[in-house]
């Protein structure tokens, strides 16, 4: 446990940020799962809808530095590829 007042404040701030970042990461993962689930169900319209939501959340979290830029780009690319594969059929 920190002793100095400034260290205590820094600890509180870092815990608050970590909690917020974990929530955003969890939301991103949930959206990715929803896209994968709708792709598995072969529902192209719903998958495209969830894809848009997932992309917005990925871009925003990359912009805030919660996930890395390349990680967001890789996930978006893979999701696009999945949704495009069922849209063709």
C-alpha atoms as a PDB file:
ATOM      1  CA  UNK A   1       0.000   0.000   0.000  1.00  0.00           C
ATOM      2  CA  UNK A   2       1.346   3.439  -0.844  1.00  0.00           C
ATOM      3  CA  UNK A   3       2.148   5.767   2.014  1.00  0.00           C
ATOM      4  CA  UNK A   4       2.400   9.178   0.398  1.00  0.00           C
ATOM      5  CA  UNK A   5      -0.757  11.034  -0.485  1.00  0.00           C
ATOM      6  CA  UNK A   6       0.232  11.456  -4.138  1.00  0.00           C
ATOM      7  CA  UNK A   7       1.018   7.748  -4.467  1.00  0.00           C
ATOM      8  CA  UNK A   8      -2.399   6.869  -3.020  1.00  0.00           C
ATOM      9  CA  UNK A   9      -4.067   9.131  -5.556  1.00  0.00           C
ATOM     10  CA  UNK A  10      -2.020   7.620  -8.380  1.00  0.00           C
ATOM     11  CA  UNK A  11      -3.074   4.147  -7.262  1.00  0.00           C
ATOM     12  CA  UNK A  12      -6.758   5.164  -7.196  1.00  0.00           C
ATOM     13  CA  UNK A  13      -6.471   6.680 -10.666  1.00  0.00           C
ATOM     14  CA  UNK A  14      -4.723   3.661 -12.161  1.00  0.00           C
ATOM     15  CA  UNK A  15      -7.299   1.286 -10.660  1.00  0.00           C
ATOM     16  CA  UNK A  16     -10.139   3.391 -12.038  1.00  0.00           C
ATOM     17  CA  UNK A  17      -8.566   3.469 -15.515  1.00  0.00           C
ATOM     18  CA  UNK A  18      -7.841  -0.265 -15.416  1.00  0.00           C
ATOM     19  CA  UNK A  19     -11.469  -0.992 -14.543  1.00  0.00           C
ATOM     20  CA  UNK A  20     -12.750   1.239 -17.368  1.00  0.00           C
ATOM     21  CA  UNK A  21     -10.325  -0.292 -19.873  1.00  0.00           C
ATOM     22  CA  UNK A  22     -11.309  -3.821 -18.857  1.00  0.00           C
ATOM     23  CA  UNK A  23     -14.972  -2.938 -19.447  1.00  0.00           C
ATOM     24  CA  UNK A  24     -14.223  -1.638 -22.933  1.00  0.00           C
ATOM     25  CA  UNK A  25     -12.125  -4.715 -23.783  1.00  0.00           C
ATOM     26  CA  UNK A  26     -14.960  -6.907 -22.546  1.00  0.00           C
ATOM     27  CA  UNK A  27     -17.458  -5.019 -24.734  1.00  0.00           C
ATOM     28  CA  UNK A  28     -15.213  -5.439 -27.774  1.00  0.00           C
ATOM     29  CA  UNK A  29     -14.868  -9.174 -27.128  1.00  0.00           C
ATOM     30  CA  UNK A  30     -18.643  -9.515 -26.725  1.00  0.00           C
ATOM     31  CA  UNK A  31     -19.264  -7.778 -30.054  1.00  0.00           C
ATOM     32  CA  UNK A  32     -16.703  -9.990 -31.799  1.00  0.00           C
ATOM     33  CA  UNK A  33     -18.453 -13.061 -30.342  1.00  0.00           C
ATOM     34  CA  UNK A  34     -21.816 -11.775 -31.587  1.00  0.00           C
ATOM     35  CA  UNK A  35     -20.423 -11.352 -35.103  1.00  0.00           C
ATOM     36  CA  UNK A  36     -18.952 -14.867 -35.008  1.00  0.00           C
ATOM     37  CA  UNK A  37     -22.232 -16.306 -33.712  1.00  0.00           C
ATOM     38  CA  UNK A  38     -24.324 -14.660 -36.448  1.00  0.00           C
ATOM     39  CA  UNK A  39     -21.832 -15.783 -39.085  1.00  0.00           C
ATOM     40  CA  UNK A  40     -22.149 -19.336 -37.778  1.00  0.00           C
ATOM     41  CA  UNK A  41     -25.936 -18.978 -38.035  1.00  0.00           C
ATOM     42  CA  UNK A  42     -25.435 -17.716 -41.625  1.00  0.00           C
ATOM     43  CA  UNK A  43     -27.413 -14.534 -40.992  1.00  0.00           C
ATOM     44  CA  UNK A  44     -25.628 -12.087 -43.280  1.00  0.00           C
ATOM     45  CA  UNK A  45     -27.802  -9.056 -42.515  1.00  0.00           C
ATOM     46  CA  UNK A  46     -27.473  -9.377 -38.759  1.00  0.00           C
ATOM     47  CA  UNK A  47     -23.756 -10.155 -39.064  1.00  0.00           C
ATOM     48  CA  UNK A  48     -23.213  -6.971 -41.077  1.00  0.00           C
ATOM     49  CA  UNK A  49     -25.083  -4.993 -38.435  1.00  0.00           C
ATOM     50  CA  UNK A  50     -22.965  -6.408 -35.608  1.00  0.00           C
ATOM     51  CA  UNK A  51     -19.846  -5.915 -37.716  1.00  0.00           C
ATOM     52  CA  UNK A  52     -20.509  -2.183 -37.878  1.00  0.00           C
ATOM     53  CA  UNK A  53     -20.877  -2.006 -34.109  1.00  0.00           C
ATOM     54  CA  UNK A  54     -17.721  -4.059 -33.561  1.00  0.00           C
ATOM     55  CA  UNK A  55     -15.693  -1.895 -35.942  1.00  0.00           C
ATOM     56  CA  UNK A  56     -16.801   1.291 -34.186  1.00  0.00           C
ATOM     57  CA  UNK A  57     -15.848  -0.134 -30.801  1.00  0.00           C
ATOM     58  CA  UNK A  58     -12.498  -1.449 -32.089  1.00  0.00           C
ATOM     59  CA  UNK A  59     -11.604   1.880 -33.692  1.00  0.00           C
ATOM     60  CA  UNK A  60     -12.545   3.821 -30.590  1.00  0.00           C
ATOM     61  CA  UNK A  61     -10.589   1.564 -28.256  1.00  0.00           C
ATOM     62  CA  UNK A  62      -7.536   1.736 -30.539  1.00  0.00           C
ATOM     63  CA  UNK A  63      -7.817   5.509 -30.666  1.00  0.00           C
ATOM     64  CA  UNK A  64      -7.890   5.678 -26.865  1.00  0.00           C
ATOM     65  CA  UNK A  65      -4.884   3.341 -26.634  1.00  0.00           C
ATOM     66  CA  UNK A  66      -6.755   0.543 -24.885  1.00  0.00           C
ATOM     67  CA  UNK A  67      -5.766  -1.909 -27.596  1.00  0.00           C
ATOM     68  CA  UNK A  68      -2.993  -1.469 -30.125  1.00  0.00           C
ATOM     69  CA  UNK A  69      -3.724  -0.030 -33.549  1.00  0.00           C
ATOM     70  CA  UNK A  70      -2.513  -3.115 -35.401  1.00  0.00           C
ATOM     71  CA  UNK A  71      -4.549  -5.420 -33.159  1.00  0.00           C
ATOM     72  CA  UNK A  72      -7.694  -3.470 -34.010  1.00  0.00           C
ATOM     73  CA  UNK A  73      -6.832  -3.557 -37.721  1.00  0.00           C
ATOM     74  CA  UNK A  74      -6.196  -7.309 -37.616  1.00  0.00           C
ATOM     75  CA  UNK A  75      -9.471  -8.041 -35.834  1.00  0.00           C
ATOM     76  CA  UNK A  76     -11.434  -5.805 -38.217  1.00  0.00           C
ATOM     77  CA  UNK A  77      -9.859  -7.504 -41.218  1.00  0.00           C
ATOM     78  CA  UNK A  78     -10.688 -10.983 -39.952  1.00  0.00           C
ATOM     79  CA  UNK A  79     -14.260 -10.000 -39.107  1.00  0.00           C
ATOM     80  CA  UNK A  80     -14.737  -8.419 -42.559  1.00  0.00           C
ATOM     81  CA  UNK A  81     -13.417 -11.588 -44.156  1.00  0.00           C
ATOM     82  CA  UNK A  82     -15.867 -13.745 -42.166  1.00  0.00           C
ATOM     83  CA  UNK A  83     -18.910 -11.610 -42.942  1.00  0.00           C
ATOM     84  CA  UNK A  84     -17.934 -11.346 -46.610  1.00  0.00           C
ATOM     85  CA  UNK A  85     -17.680 -15.145 -46.849  1.00  0.00           C
ATOM     86  CA  UNK A  86     -21.334 -15.651 -45.895  1.00  0.00           C
ATOM     87  CA  UNK A  87     -22.533 -12.663 -47.904  1.00  0.00           C
ATOM     88  CA  UNK A  88     -21.324 -14.319 -51.131  1.00  0.00           C
ATOM     89  CA  UNK A  89     -23.323 -17.486 -50.526  1.00  0.00           C
END
